[in-house]
Amino acid sequence: RIFLMSKDLVLAQSEYLDNNPDNTAGGARAVAEPEEDIVVEAEDDGGEGGGGDDQAKQETPKEGAFELVGDESEGIFQVWETYRTTNVTERMCWIIFGLEFVLLFAWPLASLFAIGNYATSVVFFFVALFSALRTYFNAAIVLEETGTLDLVDGEKGSREHWQNMSRVSTIVTKVTRSRGREVWMSILVFFLVAFLGLLGLAVTQEGDTSNDFEFTYLPDFEYVAQDDLTYPTCSFGKGLDALGNSTTDMADYAYLAALAYRDPTITQSELDQWFGENNALDNQTYVNDYRNTLGADRSAVSYKLITFPGADNLAMVCIRGTTNAWDALTDAQLWAAAAIFQGLRGLLPLGDIWTPILHRMVNVVSWLASESIDRVAFYRETTAFVQYLQEAQKGGTFGNIQVTGHSLGGGLSIITGAQTGVAAVALSGPNALLSRDSFNPPVTKEQLNTLTFNIIPDRDIVPRLDDVAKLNQHIRCTAPQNDFVGCHDGRRSLCEIVYSCGTQFRPALCDCVTEFGYPEPTPKAGVTKTFAEECAALIDEKE
């Protein structure tokens, strides 16, 4: 059947067919109000296209309709489609509701109460209650589930009734299937999958994560500092006792932060090649003796104690960073709240106006999850160890005390330095401005701005967690753009600092050229071997 019709005519056609059921057998007829569209009634034996053939007949319109104007008209096809709809039974609906209630509400709530996390359980109860009200008593969702829109105003079949049903249908679609809802669900699913993936890796990973990597040192080669203003903090003076020189190079802190990952059996030989023989000493026995006194209170954190006899026996605590999935989970728990509020601040218009109170909001979220966060608060042990060193310092055992670390170790060093009042230099460490009230004990903004320093490579996401304190140095990253973790490599950061700031009194490293693609260092005066020859000989000697 072929009709020329407008939107208004469809309604008129529906009304006509409802009132004249006998006229539907030989083809549909539609009538229109004055000055409305015209209908051509035709019968076609299955042909496709526009107008009818020689069998088509024009009928004289009844009173109230208009005569046909012209012999031709355009047409649209009216198409029928058969489909089947399957609805769940009432019993199945109650079974699904019961499973949702038990698995998504009753069991989690009972578990939270059972472990004694009453703060989170109360919040969970009210959030679940409001979610249930929105789900089971939401008008839009009820309309979608029942599949009927007949509850709208207007006489059934009238134009007003159809328009109101159309509006309700649009509202239901936007509420229940909006793009924003899909985006947020995708984000939640992504983080859930990432968390489960980390948990799976952590369960299957071995406990010993020490690293036996050794640098290849070139004492007869050097990098000359670049003749520009890059990295004005290449050397520290004020507030940091020198490691045997008038100033302390930023490269020394980067090196010690990377050294925290090394196997204890090679730590001393590495120190001798970088600082010179016996200028820096590994005091692993001192650390082990302290940790043995902790007993069951020992955490999974790992750190070294390096002392410098020539610098008034300066004590440097080097905290190891993330080496496995368990450490990654620790990062996530300690800095998740700060990261969430950072993201919300970035999404909200004029989000920066909330910065002065974000640290209090982070503290509230951390308080709700205090039971789980306390179990991964590794900074408590490192802070207690530094306080233990400060007691020994009073007796003259040590001179100055400093803290450094990379990645998670950098974040722990920032917290420990602020809590104990000692200088802390972090490499690629997460920050602590937003999280400062959530630590035990809390730290102040003033302590973070005056006692902590963070070295931040470009395109490294970890040191962008939480807000950065005032003292920091951004450095270049030479990793390819598609390398998402290359900029977090502490060895690459060390090479960047050594290349840009110069080797000063330290040896050059073969690894900067062979592993990370930096230009070859220049030989010192009187050296006849080339860089390639010297590196090849040293590598063969190690093998």
Protein backbone atom coordinates (compact mmCIF):
# COMPACT_ATOMS: atom_id res chain seq x y z
CA ARG A 1 0.00 0.00 0.00
CA ILE A 2 1.41 3.35 -0.96
CA PHE A 3 0.48 6.56 0.78
CA LEU A 4 1.42 10.19 0.62
CA MET A 5 1.06 11.38 4.15
CA SER A 6 2.30 13.87 6.71
CA LYS A 7 2.68 13.45 10.48
CA ASP A 8 -0.76 14.95 11.07
CA LEU A 9 -2.30 12.70 8.45
CA VAL A 10 -1.02 9.58 10.21
CA LEU A 11 -3.15 10.49 13.21
CA ALA A 12 -6.14 11.15 10.99
CA GLN A 13 -5.57 7.81 9.24
CA SER A 14 -5.44 5.99 12.59
CA GLU A 15 -8.67 7.61 13.74
CA TYR A 16 -10.39 6.79 10.44
CA LEU A 17 -9.41 3.12 10.51
CA ASP A 18 -10.50 2.79 14.14
CA ASN A 19 -13.93 4.18 13.23
CA ASN A 20 -14.26 2.38 9.86
CA PRO A 21 -12.80 -1.13 10.19
CA ASP A 22 -14.66 -2.35 7.07
CA ASN A 23 -12.68 -0.05 4.80
CA THR A 24 -9.28 -1.63 5.54
CA ALA A 25 -9.69 -4.74 3.38
CA GLY A 26 -9.18 -3.23 -0.02
CA GLY A 27 -6.49 -0.84 1.00
CA ALA A 28 -6.19 1.88 3.63
CA ARG A 29 -8.04 5.14 3.34
CA ALA A 30 -7.07 8.30 5.15
CA VAL A 31 -8.99 11.51 5.49
CA ALA A 32 -7.69 14.93 6.27
CA GLU A 33 -9.01 18.08 7.74
CA PRO A 34 -9.34 21.07 5.39
CA GLU A 35 -6.08 22.35 3.92
CA GLU A 36 -4.26 19.16 4.90
CA ASP A 37 -2.37 16.62 2.78
CA ILE A 38 -4.04 14.41 0.17
CA VAL A 39 -3.96 10.63 0.03
CA VAL A 40 -3.87 8.56 -3.14
CA GLU A 41 -5.42 5.19 -2.56
CA ALA A 42 -3.97 2.54 -4.81
CA GLU A 43 -3.62 -1.18 -5.06
CA ASP A 44 -0.36 -2.57 -6.36
CA ASP A 45 0.53 -6.18 -7.22
CA GLY A 46 3.87 -5.92 -5.42
CA GLY A 47 5.58 -3.35 -7.57
CA GLU A 48 8.19 -1.07 -6.03
CA GLY A 49 8.59 2.65 -6.37
CA GLY A 50 6.33 5.67 -6.49
CA GLY A 51 2.92 5.98 -8.21
CA GLY A 52 0.44 3.23 -9.08
CA ASP A 53 -0.17 1.41 -12.39
CA ASP A 54 -3.22 1.09 -14.71
CA GLN A 55 -5.12 -0.72 -11.94
CA ALA A 56 -4.98 2.32 -9.71
CA LYS A 57 -8.27 4.09 -9.29
CA GLN A 58 -9.02 7.48 -7.87
CA GLU A 59 -12.01 7.67 -5.61
CA THR A 60 -14.16 10.69 -5.09
CA PRO A 61 -13.37 12.05 -1.67
CA LYS A 62 -16.18 12.15 0.83
CA GLU A 63 -17.49 15.31 2.31
CA GLY A 64 -14.90 16.93 4.47
CA ALA A 65 -11.97 15.74 2.33
CA PHE A 66 -10.29 17.43 -0.61
CA GLU A 67 -10.14 16.35 -4.24
CA LEU A 68 -6.90 15.11 -5.69
CA VAL A 69 -4.76 17.82 -7.28
CA GLY A 70 -2.53 16.56 -10.09
CA ASP A 71 -1.98 13.09 -11.48
CA GLU A 72 1.29 12.21 -9.77
CA SER A 73 2.47 12.12 -6.21
CA GLU A 74 5.41 10.86 -4.20
CA GLY A 75 4.91 7.89 -1.91
CA ILE A 76 6.37 6.22 1.15
CA PHE A 77 6.26 2.53 1.98
CA GLN A 78 4.50 1.20 5.03
CA VAL A 79 6.48 -1.82 6.27
CA TRP A 80 5.51 -4.52 8.77
CA GLU A 81 7.99 -6.43 10.94
CA THR A 82 7.30 -9.39 13.20
CA TYR A 83 9.34 -9.85 16.38
CA ARG A 84 9.09 -11.69 19.64
CA THR A 85 9.46 -10.19 23.10
CA THR A 86 10.40 -12.41 26.05
CA ASN A 87 9.57 -11.19 29.55
CA VAL A 88 10.74 -12.75 32.78
CA THR A 89 8.16 -14.25 35.08
CA GLU A 90 7.25 -12.70 38.41
CA ARG A 91 9.02 -15.53 40.24
CA MET A 92 12.26 -14.87 38.36
CA CYS A 93 11.99 -11.16 39.16
CA TRP A 94 11.79 -11.98 42.87
CA ILE A 95 14.75 -14.37 42.58
CA ILE A 96 16.86 -11.67 40.90
CA PHE A 97 15.80 -9.14 43.53
CA GLY A 98 16.75 -11.57 46.32
CA LEU A 99 20.19 -12.22 44.84
CA GLU A 100 20.81 -8.48 44.46
CA PHE A 101 19.77 -7.86 48.05
CA VAL A 102 21.96 -10.62 49.50
CA LEU A 103 25.07 -10.24 47.34
CA LEU A 104 25.13 -6.47 46.83
CA PHE A 105 23.75 -5.27 50.16
CA ALA A 106 23.39 -7.73 53.03
CA TRP A 107 26.66 -9.63 52.64
CA PRO A 108 28.95 -6.55 52.14
CA LEU A 109 27.24 -4.74 55.03
CA ALA A 110 27.59 -7.72 57.35
CA SER A 111 31.25 -8.14 56.34
CA LEU A 112 32.05 -4.51 57.13
CA PHE A 113 30.45 -4.82 60.56
CA ALA A 114 32.21 -8.13 61.18
CA ILE A 115 35.68 -6.67 60.60
CA GLY A 116 34.87 -3.67 62.78
CA ASN A 117 34.90 -1.02 60.03
CA TYR A 118 31.82 0.74 61.37
CA ALA A 119 32.41 4.09 59.68
CA THR A 120 32.48 2.58 56.19
CA SER A 121 29.54 0.29 56.97
CA VAL A 122 27.31 3.23 57.96
CA VAL A 123 28.22 5.15 54.81
CA PHE A 124 27.68 2.02 52.72
CA PHE A 125 24.22 1.52 54.27
CA PHE A 126 22.98 4.99 53.33
CA VAL A 127 24.54 4.91 49.86
CA ALA A 128 22.91 1.52 49.22
CA LEU A 129 19.58 2.81 50.53
CA PHE A 130 19.55 5.80 48.20
CA SER A 131 20.69 3.63 45.29
CA ALA A 132 17.83 1.20 45.96
CA LEU A 133 15.28 4.03 46.07
CA ARG A 134 16.58 5.39 42.79
CA THR A 135 16.52 1.95 41.18
CA TYR A 136 13.20 0.55 42.39
CA PHE A 137 11.16 3.74 42.83
CA ASN A 138 12.38 5.76 39.86
CA ALA A 139 9.55 6.73 37.51
CA ALA A 140 11.65 6.60 34.37
CA ILE A 141 12.97 3.12 35.14
CA VAL A 142 9.47 1.87 36.05
CA LEU A 143 8.16 3.11 32.70
CA GLU A 144 11.02 1.41 30.92
CA GLU A 145 10.50 -1.87 32.76
CA THR A 146 6.72 -1.96 32.30
CA GLY A 147 6.97 -0.95 28.65
CA THR A 148 3.87 1.27 28.78
CA LEU A 149 3.59 5.02 28.34
CA ASP A 150 -0.21 5.24 28.61
CA LEU A 151 -0.07 7.04 31.94
CA VAL A 152 0.47 10.44 30.31
CA ASP A 153 -2.18 13.14 30.05
CA GLY A 154 -4.47 13.58 27.06
CA GLU A 155 -7.27 11.58 25.50
CA LYS A 156 -5.99 8.29 24.15
CA GLY A 157 -5.35 8.54 20.42
CA SER A 158 -5.30 12.35 20.41
CA ARG A 159 -2.38 14.42 19.25
CA GLU A 160 -1.69 15.62 22.79
CA HIS A 161 -1.53 12.01 24.02
CA TRP A 162 0.95 11.01 21.32
CA GLN A 163 3.13 14.05 21.93
CA ASN A 164 3.24 13.42 25.68
CA MET A 165 4.18 9.79 25.16
CA SER A 166 6.96 10.90 22.81
CA ARG A 167 8.32 13.29 25.42
CA VAL A 168 8.26 10.62 28.14
CA SER A 169 10.00 8.16 25.83
CA THR A 170 12.76 10.70 25.18
CA ILE A 171 13.19 11.38 28.91
CA VAL A 172 13.37 7.67 29.74
CA THR A 173 15.99 7.15 27.05
CA LYS A 174 18.15 10.01 28.31
CA VAL A 175 17.88 8.97 31.96
CA THR A 176 18.49 5.25 31.55
CA ARG A 177 20.75 5.20 28.50
CA SER A 178 22.55 8.53 28.55
CA ARG A 179 26.08 8.77 27.24
CA GLY A 180 27.38 10.07 30.57
CA ARG A 181 26.10 6.97 32.35
CA GLU A 182 27.92 4.76 29.86
CA VAL A 183 31.14 6.75 30.25
CA TRP A 184 31.12 6.51 34.06
CA MET A 185 30.29 2.81 33.94
CA SER A 186 33.24 2.29 31.57
CA ILE A 187 35.55 4.16 33.95
CA LEU A 188 34.41 2.10 36.94
CA VAL A 189 34.79 -1.15 35.02
CA PHE A 190 38.30 -0.11 33.91
CA PHE A 191 39.46 0.54 37.46
CA LEU A 192 37.84 -2.67 38.68
CA VAL A 193 39.61 -4.72 36.02
CA ALA A 194 42.91 -2.92 36.76
CA PHE A 195 42.57 -3.62 40.48
CA LEU A 196 41.77 -7.28 39.89
CA GLY A 197 44.71 -7.54 37.50
CA LEU A 198 47.09 -6.07 40.08
CA LEU A 199 45.69 -8.37 42.73
CA GLY A 200 46.20 -11.39 40.46
CA LEU A 201 49.78 -10.38 39.72
CA ALA A 202 50.46 -9.81 43.40
CA VAL A 203 49.19 -13.26 44.35
CA THR A 204 51.29 -15.03 41.70
CA GLN A 205 54.47 -12.97 42.13
CA GLU A 206 57.44 -14.12 44.18
CA GLY A 207 58.27 -12.31 47.37
CA ASP A 208 61.94 -11.57 46.67
CA THR A 209 62.11 -8.55 44.37
CA SER A 210 65.73 -7.43 44.86
CA ASN A 211 67.56 -6.32 41.74
CA ASP A 212 71.06 -7.47 40.83
CA PHE A 213 71.47 -4.91 38.03
CA GLU A 214 74.89 -3.23 38.09
CA PHE A 215 75.88 0.01 36.37
CA THR A 216 78.92 0.03 34.10
CA TYR A 217 81.14 2.87 35.32
CA LEU A 218 83.56 4.94 33.23
CA PRO A 219 85.75 7.03 35.56
CA ASP A 220 87.92 8.18 32.62
CA PHE A 221 85.01 9.74 30.73
CA GLU A 222 82.82 12.70 31.53
CA TYR A 223 79.86 14.81 30.51
CA VAL A 224 80.41 18.56 30.54
CA ALA A 225 77.46 20.55 31.91
CA GLN A 226 75.23 21.93 29.16
CA ASP A 227 75.76 25.63 28.50
CA ASP A 228 72.19 26.72 29.24
CA LEU A 229 69.81 27.32 32.15
CA THR A 230 68.39 23.81 32.18
CA TYR A 231 67.96 22.50 35.73
CA PRO A 232 69.07 25.35 38.01
CA THR A 233 69.02 22.80 40.86
CA CYS A 234 71.81 20.63 39.43
CA SER A 235 73.58 21.19 42.75
CA PHE A 236 72.15 21.73 46.25
CA GLY A 237 73.74 23.81 48.95
CA LYS A 238 71.37 25.39 51.43
CA GLY A 239 69.72 22.94 53.82
CA LEU A 240 71.53 19.80 52.61
CA ASP A 241 74.92 18.75 53.96
CA ALA A 242 77.32 17.93 51.14
CA LEU A 243 78.31 14.36 50.35
CA GLY A 244 82.02 15.10 50.47
CA ASN A 245 81.95 18.31 48.38
CA SER A 246 81.03 21.95 48.85
CA THR A 247 77.68 21.23 47.19
CA THR A 248 75.61 18.11 46.69
CA ASP A 249 74.75 17.14 43.13
CA MET A 250 71.17 16.25 42.27
CA ALA A 251 72.64 13.23 40.47
CA ASP A 252 73.82 11.81 43.81
CA TYR A 253 70.26 11.69 45.13
CA ALA A 254 69.00 10.13 41.91
CA TYR A 255 71.76 7.53 42.14
CA LEU A 256 71.04 6.69 45.80
CA ALA A 257 67.31 6.46 45.06
CA ALA A 258 68.06 3.94 42.31
CA LEU A 259 70.52 2.10 44.57
CA ALA A 260 67.70 1.25 46.99
CA TYR A 261 66.53 -1.45 44.55
CA ARG A 262 69.88 -3.24 44.41
CA ASP A 263 70.68 -6.54 46.03
CA PRO A 264 72.48 -6.00 49.37
CA THR A 265 75.37 -8.18 48.19
CA ILE A 266 76.40 -5.64 45.52
CA THR A 267 75.48 -2.37 47.24
CA GLN A 268 78.95 -1.64 48.68
CA SER A 269 80.79 -2.29 45.41
CA GLU A 270 78.36 0.03 43.62
CA LEU A 271 78.96 2.76 46.21
CA ASP A 272 82.73 2.43 45.86
CA GLN A 273 82.59 2.92 42.11
CA TRP A 274 80.31 5.97 42.27
CA PHE A 275 81.59 7.86 45.34
CA GLY A 276 85.09 6.41 45.59
CA GLU A 277 86.31 3.60 47.78
CA ASN A 278 85.06 3.78 51.39
CA ASN A 279 83.64 7.29 50.94
CA ALA A 280 80.14 5.86 51.35
CA LEU A 281 79.33 2.83 53.50
CA ASP A 282 76.39 0.45 53.37
CA ASN A 283 75.06 -0.17 56.90
CA GLN A 284 72.70 -3.02 56.14
CA THR A 285 73.51 -4.73 59.45
CA TYR A 286 72.34 -1.62 61.32
CA VAL A 287 69.02 -1.77 59.42
CA ASN A 288 68.59 -5.50 60.04
CA ASP A 289 69.23 -5.12 63.76
CA TYR A 290 66.59 -2.40 63.99
CA ARG A 291 64.01 -4.38 62.04
CA ASN A 292 64.57 -7.43 64.22
CA THR A 293 63.44 -5.39 67.22
CA LEU A 294 60.08 -4.72 65.52
CA GLY A 295 58.99 -8.34 65.51
CA ALA A 296 55.46 -8.71 64.17
CA ASP A 297 55.23 -4.95 63.53
CA ARG A 298 57.62 -5.17 60.57
CA SER A 299 56.11 -4.06 57.27
CA ALA A 300 56.95 -5.01 53.69
CA VAL A 301 58.90 -1.80 53.07
CA SER A 302 62.61 -2.10 52.20
CA TYR A 303 65.28 0.54 52.83
CA LYS A 304 69.04 0.98 53.16
CA LEU A 305 71.21 3.14 55.40
CA ILE A 306 74.21 4.75 53.68
CA THR A 307 76.67 6.75 55.78
CA PHE A 308 79.38 9.17 54.66
CA PRO A 309 82.32 9.27 57.12
CA GLY A 310 83.95 12.18 55.29
CA ALA A 311 80.81 14.33 55.62
CA ASP A 312 80.47 14.27 59.41
CA ASN A 313 79.07 10.73 59.17
CA LEU A 314 75.96 11.92 57.33
CA ALA A 315 73.23 9.23 57.35
CA MET A 316 71.17 8.75 54.17
CA VAL A 317 68.06 6.54 54.32
CA CYS A 318 67.29 5.16 50.83
CA ILE A 319 63.75 3.77 50.54
CA ARG A 320 62.97 1.28 47.80
CA GLY A 321 60.10 2.04 45.45
CA THR A 322 57.55 -0.03 43.56
CA THR A 323 58.92 -3.38 42.38
CA ASN A 324 55.87 -5.64 42.24
CA ALA A 325 52.08 -5.65 42.16
CA TRP A 326 51.81 -5.53 45.97
CA ASP A 327 53.71 -2.24 45.94
CA ALA A 328 51.41 -0.94 43.18
CA LEU A 329 48.40 -1.79 45.34
CA THR A 330 50.03 0.12 48.18
CA ASP A 331 50.43 3.15 45.92
CA ALA A 332 46.78 2.87 44.92
CA GLN A 333 45.50 2.70 48.50
CA LEU A 334 47.65 5.51 49.90
CA TRP A 335 47.03 7.98 47.07
CA ALA A 336 43.70 6.86 45.58
CA ALA A 337 41.62 9.48 47.39
CA ALA A 338 43.94 12.31 46.31
CA ALA A 339 43.92 11.06 42.72
CA ILE A 340 40.09 10.90 42.66
CA PHE A 341 39.70 14.47 43.88
CA GLN A 342 42.37 15.66 41.47
CA GLY A 343 40.34 14.14 38.64
CA LEU A 344 37.09 15.69 39.86
CA ARG A 345 38.76 19.07 40.19
CA GLY A 346 39.91 18.80 36.58
CA LEU A 347 36.42 17.88 35.34
CA LEU A 348 34.48 20.52 37.25
CA PRO A 349 34.25 24.07 35.85
CA LEU A 350 36.40 26.38 37.96
CA GLY A 351 37.50 23.29 39.87
CA ASP A 352 40.56 25.05 41.31
CA ILE A 353 38.39 27.05 43.69
CA TRP A 354 37.95 23.83 45.71
CA THR A 355 41.70 23.30 46.20
CA PRO A 356 41.85 24.97 49.68
CA ILE A 357 39.46 22.35 51.12
CA LEU A 358 40.39 19.29 49.07
CA HIS A 359 42.85 18.05 51.68
CA ARG A 360 39.98 17.88 54.20
CA MET A 361 37.82 15.90 51.77
CA VAL A 362 40.72 13.51 51.13
CA ASN A 363 41.08 13.10 54.87
CA VAL A 364 37.39 12.13 55.20
CA VAL A 365 37.70 9.47 52.47
CA SER A 366 40.91 8.15 54.02
CA TRP A 367 39.24 8.00 57.43
CA LEU A 368 36.48 5.83 55.98
CA ALA A 369 39.11 3.43 54.64
CA SER A 370 41.42 3.77 57.63
CA GLU A 371 41.37 0.05 58.47
CA SER A 372 42.85 -0.98 55.11
CA ILE A 373 45.13 2.04 54.76
CA ASP A 374 46.73 1.40 58.16
CA ARG A 375 47.88 -2.00 56.92
CA VAL A 376 49.85 -0.42 54.04
CA ALA A 377 51.08 2.68 55.84
CA PHE A 378 54.74 1.79 55.23
CA TYR A 379 55.80 5.33 56.10
CA ARG A 380 55.22 4.49 59.77
CA GLU A 381 58.21 2.16 59.82
CA THR A 382 60.49 4.49 57.84
CA THR A 383 59.49 7.40 60.09
CA ALA A 384 60.17 5.31 63.19
CA PHE A 385 63.57 4.32 61.77
CA VAL A 386 64.54 7.94 61.14
CA GLN A 387 63.45 8.81 64.69
CA TYR A 388 65.61 5.93 65.87
CA LEU A 389 68.55 7.48 63.98
CA GLN A 390 67.79 10.88 65.51
CA GLU A 391 68.12 9.37 68.98
CA ALA A 392 71.50 7.97 67.95
CA GLN A 393 72.38 11.39 66.50
CA LYS A 394 72.00 12.92 69.93
CA GLY A 395 74.76 10.62 71.12
CA GLY A 396 77.04 11.67 68.28
CA THR A 397 76.68 8.50 66.19
CA PHE A 398 75.51 10.42 63.12
CA GLY A 399 75.81 13.94 61.85
CA ASN A 400 72.98 15.07 59.60
CA ILE A 401 70.17 12.72 58.49
CA GLN A 402 68.48 12.79 55.09
CA VAL A 403 65.95 10.62 53.22
CA THR A 404 65.60 9.76 49.54
CA GLY A 405 63.74 7.27 47.38
CA HIS A 406 62.23 6.58 43.98
CA SER A 407 58.54 6.03 43.06
CA LEU A 408 56.75 4.64 46.14
CA GLY A 409 60.02 5.12 48.01
CA GLY A 410 60.00 8.77 46.97
CA GLY A 411 56.48 9.24 48.31
CA LEU A 412 57.42 7.56 51.58
CA SER A 413 60.53 9.71 51.84
CA ILE A 414 58.43 12.88 51.43
CA ILE A 415 56.07 11.78 54.22
CA THR A 416 58.92 10.63 56.48
CA GLY A 417 60.93 13.81 55.93
CA ALA A 418 57.96 16.03 56.76
CA GLN A 419 57.04 13.99 59.86
CA THR A 420 60.55 13.88 61.30
CA GLY A 421 61.82 17.29 60.20
CA VAL A 422 64.69 16.01 58.04
CA ALA A 423 65.42 16.92 54.42
CA ALA A 424 63.91 14.56 51.84
CA VAL A 425 64.69 14.38 48.11
CA ALA A 426 62.37 12.19 46.05
CA LEU A 427 62.73 10.96 42.48
CA SER A 428 59.41 10.37 40.66
CA GLY A 429 57.63 10.17 43.99
CA PRO A 430 53.90 10.81 44.55
CA ASN A 431 53.28 14.01 46.48
CA ALA A 432 51.47 14.72 49.74
CA LEU A 433 49.83 18.16 49.77
CA LEU A 434 46.25 16.90 49.41
CA SER A 435 46.87 13.82 51.56
CA ARG A 436 48.72 15.62 54.35
CA ASP A 437 45.91 15.36 56.91
CA SER A 438 45.37 11.64 56.31
CA PHE A 439 48.79 10.57 57.58
CA ASN A 440 49.51 9.59 61.18
CA PRO A 441 50.72 11.96 62.44
CA PRO A 442 49.50 14.58 59.92
CA VAL A 443 51.98 16.91 58.26
CA THR A 444 51.60 20.58 57.48
CA LYS A 445 51.82 22.47 54.23
CA GLU A 446 54.75 24.41 55.62
CA GLN A 447 56.71 21.22 56.34
CA LEU A 448 56.14 19.91 52.82
CA ASN A 449 57.08 23.25 51.23
CA THR A 450 60.31 23.63 53.20
CA LEU A 451 61.63 20.10 53.83
CA THR A 452 60.79 18.09 50.70
CA PHE A 453 62.04 18.20 47.11
CA ASN A 454 60.68 16.13 44.21
CA ILE A 455 62.39 15.43 40.86
CA ILE A 456 59.62 15.06 38.25
CA PRO A 457 60.36 13.61 34.79
CA ASP A 458 58.15 14.64 31.88
CA ARG A 459 55.30 12.25 31.04
CA ASP A 460 55.71 10.37 34.32
CA ILE A 461 52.26 9.94 35.87
CA VAL A 462 53.41 8.84 39.37
CA PRO A 463 54.90 12.19 40.56
CA ARG A 464 51.70 13.88 39.38
CA LEU A 465 49.62 12.05 41.97
CA ASP A 466 48.56 14.53 44.63
CA ASP A 467 49.54 18.20 44.46
CA VAL A 468 53.22 19.12 44.21
CA ALA A 469 54.88 21.13 46.99
CA LYS A 470 56.87 24.26 46.21
CA LEU A 471 60.30 22.65 45.90
CA ASN A 472 60.59 20.53 42.76
CA GLN A 473 62.55 20.15 39.54
CA HIS A 474 61.02 19.00 36.25
CA ILE A 475 63.43 17.13 33.99
CA ARG A 476 63.27 15.96 30.39
CA CYS A 477 62.36 12.41 29.40
CA THR A 478 63.88 10.93 26.24
CA ALA A 479 61.71 7.80 26.16
CA PRO A 480 59.61 7.26 22.99
CA GLN A 481 56.14 8.78 23.06
CA ASN A 482 54.54 5.32 22.99
CA ASP A 483 56.56 4.13 26.00
CA PHE A 484 54.18 4.72 28.90
CA VAL A 485 56.53 3.57 31.67
CA GLY A 486 59.93 4.56 30.29
CA CYS A 487 59.84 8.00 31.90
CA HIS A 488 59.39 6.40 35.33
CA ASP A 489 62.70 4.52 35.08
CA GLY A 490 65.03 5.94 37.72
CA ARG A 491 68.12 4.98 35.69
CA ARG A 492 66.90 7.06 32.73
CA SER A 493 66.33 10.02 35.05
CA LEU A 494 69.84 9.62 36.46
CA CYS A 495 71.29 9.66 32.93
CA GLU A 496 69.29 12.78 32.04
CA ILE A 497 70.62 14.61 35.10
CA VAL A 498 74.20 13.48 34.53
CA TYR A 499 74.08 14.44 30.85
CA SER A 500 72.51 17.89 31.41
CA CYS A 501 74.28 18.85 34.65
CA GLY A 502 77.60 17.17 33.91
CA THR A 503 79.29 14.29 35.70
CA GLN A 504 81.13 16.66 38.06
CA PHE A 505 83.15 14.36 40.36
CA ARG A 506 81.30 11.19 39.38
CA PRO A 507 82.01 8.64 36.63
CA ALA A 508 80.09 8.47 33.37
CA LEU A 509 77.92 5.42 32.74
CA CYS A 510 77.94 3.13 29.71
CA ASP A 511 74.27 2.41 30.35
CA CYS A 512 73.25 5.98 29.50
CA VAL A 513 74.42 5.39 25.92
CA THR A 514 73.69 1.69 25.43
CA GLU A 515 70.36 1.55 27.25
CA PHE A 516 68.87 5.03 26.85
CA GLY A 517 70.48 6.49 23.74
CA TYR A 518 72.34 9.49 25.19
CA PRO A 519 75.39 10.88 23.36
CA GLU A 520 78.74 9.36 24.21
CA PRO A 521 80.70 11.10 26.98
CA THR A 522 84.05 12.65 26.16
CA PRO A 523 87.34 11.13 27.41
CA LYS A 524 89.28 13.00 30.07
CA ALA A 525 92.73 14.41 29.37
CA GLY A 526 95.33 11.72 28.63
CA VAL A 527 92.79 8.95 27.89
CA THR A 528 93.51 7.20 24.58
CA LYS A 529 90.77 4.57 24.51
CA THR A 530 87.48 5.32 22.84
CA PHE A 531 84.16 5.10 24.63
CA ALA A 532 83.13 2.02 22.65
CA GLU A 533 86.40 0.20 23.45
CA GLU A 534 86.23 1.02 27.17
CA CYS A 535 82.56 0.00 27.49
CA ALA A 536 83.07 -3.23 25.59
CA ALA A 537 86.04 -4.17 27.80
CA LEU A 538 84.13 -3.45 31.02
CA ILE A 539 81.06 -5.37 29.89
CA ASP A 540 83.21 -8.38 28.92
CA GLU A 541 84.90 -8.20 32.31
CA LYS A 542 81.56 -8.31 34.17
CA GLU A 543 80.34 -11.24 32.09
